Amino acid sequence: MKNYHHSVTDLWKKFTEANPEYSDCSYTAWHFCDTEDCADKLADIVMQGVKRGTTSLLLWYEQGREVLPAAGDLNVITDWDGIAKCIIKTLKVTVLPFREVGEELAFIEGEGDKSLEYWRKAHISFFTRELKDINLEFTEDLMVVFEEFEMIYRD
């Protein structure tokens, strides 16, 4: 068990008490984005049911930085400070080139005006910042992991 903020374990306990079928399941806790404002805003729109997906670079999974998500995974979403906000369950994971992400996936991600244009601009900016740290450049041929989820619990 990782050393999470107490709100994470408190929320998980409430969730499993209300849903005992999950009591033997494992989970991870994390926040979206690389800035406080973004992380907090995205946690809020997950809680509103607007954001039902997220995109990350396959490269991070290939390098062992993270474990590739799978259908059925459970995650506690936190704000920037690690305060638990809700629990999501992964429904589907799709790996595809960045350039092949379309309107439907952009809409599921639920950010900005939910358009593909907004999604592309926001993600190119984010991925460019992430890749700069390891001296790589963003290209639209990079493989991404699109994770669809549903919020299954909030306090």
N, C-alpha and C. Protein backbone atom coordinates (compact mmCIF):
# COMPACT_ATOMS: atom_id res chain seq x y z
N MET A 1 0.84 -1.18 0.00
CA MET A 1 0.00 0.00 0.00
C MET A 1 0.88 1.24 0.00
N LYS A 2 0.58 2.15 -0.90
CA LYS A 2 1.35 3.39 -0.97
C LYS A 2 0.97 4.30 0.19
N ASN A 3 1.80 5.28 0.43
CA ASN A 3 1.56 6.24 1.49
C ASN A 3 0.73 7.41 0.93
N TYR A 4 -0.57 7.24 0.91
CA TYR A 4 -1.48 8.25 0.38
C TYR A 4 -1.93 9.20 1.49
N HIS A 5 -2.45 10.35 1.10
CA HIS A 5 -3.11 11.25 2.03
C HIS A 5 -4.25 10.48 2.69
N HIS A 6 -4.52 10.73 3.95
CA HIS A 6 -5.54 9.97 4.68
C HIS A 6 -6.91 10.03 4.01
N SER A 7 -7.19 11.10 3.26
CA SER A 7 -8.49 11.20 2.60
C SER A 7 -8.67 10.10 1.55
N VAL A 8 -7.57 9.62 0.97
CA VAL A 8 -7.64 8.55 -0.03
C VAL A 8 -8.09 7.25 0.64
N THR A 9 -7.44 6.90 1.72
CA THR A 9 -7.81 5.66 2.40
C THR A 9 -9.20 5.79 3.05
N ASP A 10 -9.53 6.99 3.52
CA ASP A 10 -10.87 7.21 4.09
C ASP A 10 -11.96 7.02 3.02
N LEU A 11 -11.74 7.59 1.84
CA LEU A 11 -12.72 7.46 0.77
C LEU A 11 -12.83 6.00 0.33
N TRP A 12 -11.69 5.32 0.20
CA TRP A 12 -11.70 3.91 -0.19
C TRP A 12 -12.47 3.08 0.83
N LYS A 13 -12.27 3.36 2.11
CA LYS A 13 -12.98 2.61 3.16
C LYS A 13 -14.49 2.83 3.04
N LYS A 14 -14.92 4.06 2.85
CA LYS A 14 -16.35 4.35 2.70
C LYS A 14 -16.91 3.64 1.47
N PHE A 15 -16.14 3.66 0.38
CA PHE A 15 -16.56 3.01 -0.86
C PHE A 15 -16.74 1.51 -0.66
N THR A 16 -15.75 0.87 -0.04
CA THR A 16 -15.84 -0.59 0.12
C THR A 16 -16.89 -0.99 1.16
N GLU A 17 -17.15 -0.14 2.13
CA GLU A 17 -18.23 -0.42 3.08
C GLU A 17 -19.58 -0.38 2.36
N ALA A 18 -19.72 0.56 1.43
CA ALA A 18 -20.97 0.68 0.66
C ALA A 18 -21.04 -0.34 -0.48
N ASN A 19 -19.88 -0.83 -0.91
CA ASN A 19 -19.78 -1.77 -2.03
C ASN A 19 -18.84 -2.90 -1.66
N PRO A 20 -19.26 -3.81 -0.79
CA PRO A 20 -18.35 -4.84 -0.29
C PRO A 20 -17.76 -5.75 -1.36
N GLU A 21 -18.37 -5.81 -2.53
CA GLU A 21 -17.81 -6.64 -3.60
C GLU A 21 -16.43 -6.13 -4.05
N TYR A 22 -16.08 -4.90 -3.69
CA TYR A 22 -14.77 -4.34 -4.04
C TYR A 22 -13.76 -4.42 -2.89
N SER A 23 -14.13 -5.02 -1.78
CA SER A 23 -13.28 -4.96 -0.59
C SER A 23 -11.91 -5.62 -0.78
N ASP A 24 -11.80 -6.59 -1.67
CA ASP A 24 -10.51 -7.24 -1.90
C ASP A 24 -9.75 -6.66 -3.10
N CYS A 25 -10.28 -5.61 -3.68
CA CYS A 25 -9.66 -5.01 -4.87
C CYS A 25 -8.55 -4.04 -4.48
N SER A 26 -7.64 -3.85 -5.39
CA SER A 26 -6.58 -2.86 -5.19
C SER A 26 -6.91 -1.61 -5.99
N TYR A 27 -6.21 -0.54 -5.69
CA TYR A 27 -6.44 0.73 -6.37
C TYR A 27 -5.16 1.54 -6.37
N THR A 28 -5.13 2.56 -7.20
CA THR A 28 -4.07 3.56 -7.14
C THR A 28 -4.75 4.92 -6.98
N ALA A 29 -3.99 5.89 -6.54
CA ALA A 29 -4.50 7.26 -6.40
C ALA A 29 -3.58 8.19 -7.18
N TRP A 30 -4.19 9.14 -7.89
CA TRP A 30 -3.41 10.06 -8.71
C TRP A 30 -4.26 11.27 -9.10
N HIS A 31 -3.57 12.27 -9.63
CA HIS A 31 -4.26 13.46 -10.13
C HIS A 31 -3.94 13.64 -11.60
N PHE A 32 -4.79 14.37 -12.28
CA PHE A 32 -4.58 14.72 -13.68
C PHE A 32 -3.60 15.89 -13.77
N CYS A 33 -2.99 16.06 -14.93
CA CYS A 33 -2.24 17.27 -15.30
C CYS A 33 -0.92 17.47 -14.58
N ASP A 34 -0.28 18.55 -14.99
CA ASP A 34 1.01 18.91 -14.42
C ASP A 34 0.99 20.28 -13.75
N THR A 35 -0.21 20.83 -13.53
CA THR A 35 -0.35 22.09 -12.79
C THR A 35 -1.53 21.98 -11.83
N GLU A 36 -1.49 22.76 -10.77
CA GLU A 36 -2.54 22.71 -9.75
C GLU A 36 -3.90 23.07 -10.30
N ASP A 37 -3.99 24.19 -11.04
CA ASP A 37 -5.29 24.62 -11.57
C ASP A 37 -5.91 23.54 -12.45
N CYS A 38 -5.11 22.98 -13.33
CA CYS A 38 -5.60 21.96 -14.25
C CYS A 38 -6.02 20.71 -13.50
N ALA A 39 -5.20 20.24 -12.58
CA ALA A 39 -5.50 19.02 -11.83
C ALA A 39 -6.81 19.17 -11.07
N ASP A 40 -7.00 20.31 -10.42
CA ASP A 40 -8.21 20.53 -9.63
C ASP A 40 -9.44 20.65 -10.53
N LYS A 41 -9.29 21.35 -11.65
CA LYS A 41 -10.41 21.52 -12.58
C LYS A 41 -10.84 20.18 -13.17
N LEU A 42 -9.88 19.36 -13.57
CA LEU A 42 -10.22 18.08 -14.18
C LEU A 42 -10.84 17.13 -13.16
N ALA A 43 -10.37 17.15 -11.92
CA ALA A 43 -11.02 16.34 -10.89
C ALA A 43 -12.48 16.76 -10.73
N ASP A 44 -12.73 18.06 -10.78
CA ASP A 44 -14.10 18.56 -10.65
C ASP A 44 -14.99 18.08 -11.79
N ILE A 45 -14.48 18.11 -13.02
CA ILE A 45 -15.35 17.69 -14.13
C ILE A 45 -15.52 16.17 -14.20
N VAL A 46 -14.59 15.43 -13.59
CA VAL A 46 -14.82 13.99 -13.43
C VAL A 46 -15.99 13.80 -12.47
N MET A 47 -15.97 14.53 -11.36
CA MET A 47 -17.02 14.40 -10.36
C MET A 47 -18.39 14.82 -10.91
N GLN A 48 -18.39 15.71 -11.88
CA GLN A 48 -19.65 16.15 -12.51
C GLN A 48 -20.11 15.16 -13.59
N GLY A 49 -19.28 14.18 -13.91
CA GLY A 49 -19.63 13.21 -14.94
C GLY A 49 -19.34 13.69 -16.36
N VAL A 50 -18.66 14.81 -16.49
CA VAL A 50 -18.34 15.38 -17.81
C VAL A 50 -17.11 14.70 -18.41
N LYS A 51 -16.08 14.55 -17.61
CA LYS A 51 -14.84 13.92 -18.06
C LYS A 51 -14.93 12.43 -17.81
N ARG A 52 -14.88 11.64 -18.90
CA ARG A 52 -15.02 10.20 -18.82
C ARG A 52 -13.86 9.48 -19.51
N GLY A 53 -12.78 10.22 -19.74
CA GLY A 53 -11.62 9.64 -20.39
C GLY A 53 -10.38 10.46 -20.16
N THR A 54 -9.24 9.84 -20.40
CA THR A 54 -7.96 10.54 -20.28
C THR A 54 -6.96 9.92 -21.24
N THR A 55 -6.00 10.71 -21.66
CA THR A 55 -5.01 10.27 -22.64
C THR A 55 -3.61 10.46 -22.08
N SER A 56 -2.77 9.46 -22.27
CA SER A 56 -1.37 9.56 -21.86
C SER A 56 -0.50 8.96 -22.96
N LEU A 57 0.78 9.21 -22.85
CA LEU A 57 1.73 8.68 -23.83
C LEU A 57 2.06 7.22 -23.52
N LEU A 58 2.00 6.38 -24.53
CA LEU A 58 2.38 4.97 -24.37
C LEU A 58 3.83 4.86 -23.90
N LEU A 59 4.64 5.79 -24.30
CA LEU A 59 6.06 5.80 -23.95
C LEU A 59 6.28 5.63 -22.45
N TRP A 60 5.44 6.29 -21.62
CA TRP A 60 5.62 6.20 -20.17
C TRP A 60 5.41 4.77 -19.68
N TYR A 61 4.49 4.07 -20.27
CA TYR A 61 4.24 2.68 -19.88
C TYR A 61 5.38 1.78 -20.37
N GLU A 62 5.84 2.03 -21.58
CA GLU A 62 6.94 1.24 -22.14
C GLU A 62 8.22 1.41 -21.33
N GLN A 63 8.41 2.60 -20.77
CA GLN A 63 9.61 2.87 -19.96
C GLN A 63 9.45 2.42 -18.51
N GLY A 64 8.29 1.89 -18.18
CA GLY A 64 8.07 1.40 -16.84
C GLY A 64 7.74 2.48 -15.82
N ARG A 65 7.45 3.69 -16.28
CA ARG A 65 7.09 4.76 -15.35
C ARG A 65 5.72 4.53 -14.73
N GLU A 66 4.86 3.87 -15.47
CA GLU A 66 3.50 3.59 -15.02
C GLU A 66 3.09 2.21 -15.53
N VAL A 67 2.05 1.66 -14.89
CA VAL A 67 1.49 0.38 -15.33
C VAL A 67 0.36 0.68 -16.30
N LEU A 68 0.38 0.01 -17.45
CA LEU A 68 -0.65 0.22 -18.46
C LEU A 68 -2.02 -0.08 -17.85
N PRO A 69 -2.96 0.87 -17.98
CA PRO A 69 -4.29 0.63 -17.42
C PRO A 69 -5.00 -0.50 -18.15
N ALA A 70 -5.97 -1.10 -17.47
CA ALA A 70 -6.77 -2.18 -18.04
C ALA A 70 -8.21 -2.04 -17.57
N ALA A 71 -9.13 -2.55 -18.37
CA ALA A 71 -10.53 -2.54 -17.98
C ALA A 71 -10.67 -3.18 -16.60
N GLY A 72 -11.45 -2.52 -15.76
CA GLY A 72 -11.66 -3.01 -14.39
C GLY A 72 -10.78 -2.35 -13.35
N ASP A 73 -9.73 -1.63 -13.77
CA ASP A 73 -8.87 -0.94 -12.81
C ASP A 73 -9.67 0.08 -12.01
N LEU A 74 -9.30 0.24 -10.76
CA LEU A 74 -9.93 1.22 -9.88
C LEU A 74 -8.91 2.26 -9.47
N ASN A 75 -9.32 3.54 -9.51
CA ASN A 75 -8.42 4.63 -9.18
C ASN A 75 -9.15 5.67 -8.34
N VAL A 76 -8.45 6.16 -7.33
CA VAL A 76 -8.95 7.28 -6.56
C VAL A 76 -8.36 8.54 -7.20
N ILE A 77 -9.24 9.40 -7.67
CA ILE A 77 -8.80 10.66 -8.27
C ILE A 77 -8.68 11.70 -7.17
N THR A 78 -7.55 12.39 -7.17
CA THR A 78 -7.30 13.41 -6.16
C THR A 78 -7.16 14.77 -6.81
N ASP A 79 -7.15 15.80 -5.97
CA ASP A 79 -6.78 17.12 -6.46
C ASP A 79 -5.25 17.19 -6.45
N TRP A 80 -4.72 18.34 -6.77
CA TRP A 80 -3.26 18.54 -6.84
C TRP A 80 -2.58 18.18 -5.53
N ASP A 81 -3.25 18.48 -4.41
CA ASP A 81 -2.66 18.25 -3.09
C ASP A 81 -2.83 16.82 -2.58
N GLY A 82 -3.43 15.96 -3.39
CA GLY A 82 -3.59 14.57 -3.00
C GLY A 82 -4.85 14.29 -2.21
N ILE A 83 -5.75 15.26 -2.13
CA ILE A 83 -7.02 15.08 -1.42
C ILE A 83 -7.98 14.30 -2.32
N ALA A 84 -8.49 13.18 -1.82
CA ALA A 84 -9.37 12.31 -2.60
C ALA A 84 -10.65 13.03 -2.98
N LYS A 85 -11.06 12.85 -4.24
CA LYS A 85 -12.28 13.46 -4.75
C LYS A 85 -13.32 12.43 -5.15
N CYS A 86 -12.89 11.35 -5.82
CA CYS A 86 -13.84 10.35 -6.28
C CYS A 86 -13.08 9.09 -6.70
N ILE A 87 -13.85 8.05 -7.01
CA ILE A 87 -13.26 6.80 -7.48
C ILE A 87 -13.79 6.53 -8.88
N ILE A 88 -12.87 6.16 -9.77
CA ILE A 88 -13.25 5.82 -11.14
C ILE A 88 -12.90 4.36 -11.41
N LYS A 89 -13.62 3.80 -12.39
CA LYS A 89 -13.35 2.44 -12.84
C LYS A 89 -13.08 2.48 -14.33
N THR A 90 -11.97 1.90 -14.75
CA THR A 90 -11.61 1.87 -16.17
C THR A 90 -12.55 0.91 -16.90
N LEU A 91 -13.11 1.41 -18.00
CA LEU A 91 -14.03 0.61 -18.82
C LEU A 91 -13.35 0.02 -20.05
N LYS A 92 -12.46 0.83 -20.66
CA LYS A 92 -11.86 0.43 -21.93
C LYS A 92 -10.55 1.18 -22.11
N VAL A 93 -9.57 0.51 -22.70
CA VAL A 93 -8.28 1.12 -23.00
C VAL A 93 -7.99 0.91 -24.48
N THR A 94 -7.68 2.01 -25.16
CA THR A 94 -7.36 1.97 -26.60
C THR A 94 -5.99 2.59 -26.81
N VAL A 95 -5.13 1.87 -27.53
CA VAL A 95 -3.81 2.39 -27.89
C VAL A 95 -3.85 2.72 -29.38
N LEU A 96 -3.49 3.96 -29.71
CA LEU A 96 -3.53 4.41 -31.09
C LEU A 96 -2.58 5.57 -31.29
N PRO A 97 -2.22 5.87 -32.56
CA PRO A 97 -1.38 7.04 -32.81
C PRO A 97 -2.16 8.32 -32.46
N PHE A 98 -1.45 9.31 -31.94
CA PHE A 98 -2.06 10.58 -31.58
C PHE A 98 -2.93 11.11 -32.71
N ARG A 99 -2.42 11.05 -33.94
CA ARG A 99 -3.12 11.63 -35.08
C ARG A 99 -4.46 10.96 -35.37
N GLU A 100 -4.69 9.76 -34.82
CA GLU A 100 -5.94 9.04 -35.08
C GLU A 100 -7.02 9.28 -34.02
N VAL A 101 -6.70 10.05 -33.00
CA VAL A 101 -7.73 10.38 -32.01
C VAL A 101 -8.76 11.27 -32.71
N GLY A 102 -10.02 10.91 -32.60
CA GLY A 102 -11.08 11.64 -33.29
C GLY A 102 -12.02 12.37 -32.35
N GLU A 103 -13.06 12.96 -32.96
CA GLU A 103 -14.05 13.76 -32.24
C GLU A 103 -14.67 13.00 -31.07
N GLU A 104 -15.00 11.73 -31.26
CA GLU A 104 -15.69 10.97 -30.21
C GLU A 104 -14.83 10.87 -28.94
N LEU A 105 -13.55 10.54 -29.11
CA LEU A 105 -12.68 10.42 -27.95
C LEU A 105 -12.44 11.78 -27.30
N ALA A 106 -12.27 12.81 -28.11
CA ALA A 106 -12.09 14.17 -27.57
C ALA A 106 -13.30 14.56 -26.73
N PHE A 107 -14.49 14.23 -27.21
CA PHE A 107 -15.72 14.54 -26.48
C PHE A 107 -15.77 13.77 -25.16
N ILE A 108 -15.41 12.50 -25.19
CA ILE A 108 -15.40 11.68 -23.97
C ILE A 108 -14.45 12.26 -22.94
N GLU A 109 -13.32 12.79 -23.42
CA GLU A 109 -12.35 13.37 -22.48
C GLU A 109 -12.95 14.57 -21.76
N GLY A 110 -13.85 15.30 -22.40
CA GLY A 110 -14.67 16.29 -21.72
C GLY A 110 -14.01 17.61 -21.35
N GLU A 111 -12.87 17.90 -21.90
CA GLU A 111 -12.16 19.13 -21.53
C GLU A 111 -12.50 20.28 -22.46
N GLY A 112 -12.37 21.51 -21.96
CA GLY A 112 -12.63 22.70 -22.76
C GLY A 112 -14.02 22.65 -23.36
N ASP A 113 -14.09 22.90 -24.67
CA ASP A 113 -15.39 22.86 -25.36
C ASP A 113 -15.71 21.46 -25.91
N LYS A 114 -14.89 20.49 -25.52
CA LYS A 114 -15.04 19.07 -25.90
C LYS A 114 -14.79 18.81 -27.39
N SER A 115 -14.23 19.76 -28.08
CA SER A 115 -13.96 19.60 -29.51
C SER A 115 -12.61 18.92 -29.73
N LEU A 116 -12.45 18.34 -30.91
CA LEU A 116 -11.17 17.75 -31.28
C LEU A 116 -10.09 18.82 -31.36
N GLU A 117 -10.45 19.98 -31.87
CA GLU A 117 -9.47 21.08 -31.97
C GLU A 117 -8.93 21.45 -30.59
N TYR A 118 -9.81 21.60 -29.61
CA TYR A 118 -9.36 21.92 -28.25
C TYR A 118 -8.49 20.79 -27.70
N TRP A 119 -8.97 19.56 -27.86
CA TRP A 119 -8.24 18.40 -27.35
C TRP A 119 -6.82 18.35 -27.92
N ARG A 120 -6.72 18.51 -29.24
CA ARG A 120 -5.40 18.44 -29.89
C ARG A 120 -4.46 19.53 -29.35
N LYS A 121 -4.95 20.74 -29.27
CA LYS A 121 -4.12 21.86 -28.81
C LYS A 121 -3.65 21.62 -27.37
N ALA A 122 -4.56 21.23 -26.50
CA ALA A 122 -4.22 21.01 -25.09
C ALA A 122 -3.23 19.86 -24.93
N HIS A 123 -3.44 18.77 -25.67
CA HIS A 123 -2.59 17.60 -25.52
C HIS A 123 -1.23 17.77 -26.19
N ILE A 124 -1.17 18.47 -27.31
CA ILE A 124 0.14 18.75 -27.91
C ILE A 124 0.98 19.57 -26.94
N SER A 125 0.37 20.56 -26.31
CA SER A 125 1.08 21.39 -25.34
C SER A 125 1.56 20.54 -24.16
N PHE A 126 0.68 19.74 -23.61
CA PHE A 126 1.01 18.91 -22.45
C PHE A 126 2.10 17.89 -22.80
N PHE A 127 1.93 17.17 -23.89
CA PHE A 127 2.91 16.14 -24.26
C PHE A 127 4.26 16.77 -24.62
N THR A 128 4.25 17.94 -25.23
CA THR A 128 5.50 18.63 -25.55
C THR A 128 6.26 18.95 -24.27
N ARG A 129 5.56 19.43 -23.23
CA ARG A 129 6.20 19.72 -21.94
C ARG A 129 6.76 18.44 -21.32
N GLU A 130 5.97 17.37 -21.34
CA GLU A 130 6.43 16.10 -20.76
C GLU A 130 7.68 15.57 -21.46
N LEU A 131 7.67 15.62 -22.79
CA LEU A 131 8.78 15.06 -23.57
C LEU A 131 10.04 15.89 -23.47
N LYS A 132 9.89 17.18 -23.24
CA LYS A 132 11.06 18.07 -23.12
C LYS A 132 11.98 17.59 -22.01
N ASP A 133 11.40 17.07 -20.93
CA ASP A 133 12.19 16.59 -19.79
C ASP A 133 13.13 15.45 -20.15
N ILE A 134 12.81 14.71 -21.22
CA ILE A 134 13.68 13.60 -21.63
C ILE A 134 14.27 13.84 -23.03
N ASN A 135 14.27 15.11 -23.43
CA ASN A 135 14.88 15.53 -24.70
C ASN A 135 14.30 14.85 -25.93
N LEU A 136 12.99 14.65 -25.92
CA LEU A 136 12.29 14.14 -27.09
C LEU A 136 11.31 15.19 -27.59
N GLU A 137 11.01 15.12 -28.88
CA GLU A 137 10.06 16.06 -29.46
C GLU A 137 8.74 15.35 -29.75
N PHE A 138 7.67 16.08 -29.60
CA PHE A 138 6.36 15.55 -29.89
C PHE A 138 6.18 15.39 -31.40
N THR A 139 5.57 14.28 -31.80
CA THR A 139 5.12 14.11 -33.18
C THR A 139 3.74 13.46 -33.12
N GLU A 140 2.96 13.66 -34.15
CA GLU A 140 1.61 13.10 -34.17
C GLU A 140 1.61 11.59 -34.41
N ASP A 141 2.79 11.01 -34.66
CA ASP A 141 2.90 9.57 -34.81
C ASP A 141 3.09 8.86 -33.47
N LEU A 142 3.32 9.61 -32.40
CA LEU A 142 3.48 8.99 -31.09
C LEU A 142 2.21 8.23 -30.71
N MET A 143 2.41 7.08 -30.10
CA MET A 143 1.28 6.27 -29.65
C MET A 143 0.79 6.81 -28.31
N VAL A 144 -0.54 6.87 -28.19
CA VAL A 144 -1.15 7.31 -26.95
C VAL A 144 -2.07 6.22 -26.41
N VAL A 145 -2.34 6.31 -25.13
CA VAL A 145 -3.24 5.39 -24.45
C VAL A 145 -4.47 6.19 -24.05
N PHE A 146 -5.62 5.81 -24.61
CA PHE A 146 -6.87 6.48 -24.28
C PHE A 146 -7.64 5.57 -23.34
N GLU A 147 -7.86 6.06 -22.14
CA GLU A 147 -8.54 5.30 -21.09
C GLU A 147 -9.94 5.86 -20.87
N GLU A 148 -10.94 5.04 -21.12
CA GLU A 148 -12.32 5.43 -20.84
C GLU A 148 -12.70 4.90 -19.47
N PHE A 149 -13.40 5.73 -18.69
CA PHE A 149 -13.74 5.34 -17.33
C PHE A 149 -15.10 5.88 -16.95
N GLU A 150 -15.60 5.39 -15.83
CA GLU A 150 -16.81 5.95 -15.24
C GLU A 150 -16.52 6.25 -13.78
N MET A 151 -17.11 7.35 -13.29
CA MET A 151 -17.00 7.65 -11.87
C MET A 151 -17.99 6.74 -11.16
N ILE A 152 -17.50 5.97 -10.19
CA ILE A 152 -18.38 5.02 -9.52
C ILE A 152 -18.65 5.39 -8.06
N TYR A 153 -17.92 6.37 -7.53
CA TYR A 153 -18.15 6.75 -6.14
C TYR A 153 -17.59 8.14 -5.87
N ARG A 154 -18.37 8.88 -5.09
CA ARG A 154 -17.88 10.16 -4.56
C ARG A 154 -18.55 10.37 -3.22
N ASP A 155 -17.87 11.09 -2.37
CA ASP A 155 -18.37 11.33 -1.02
C ASP A 155 -19.51 12.32 -1.02
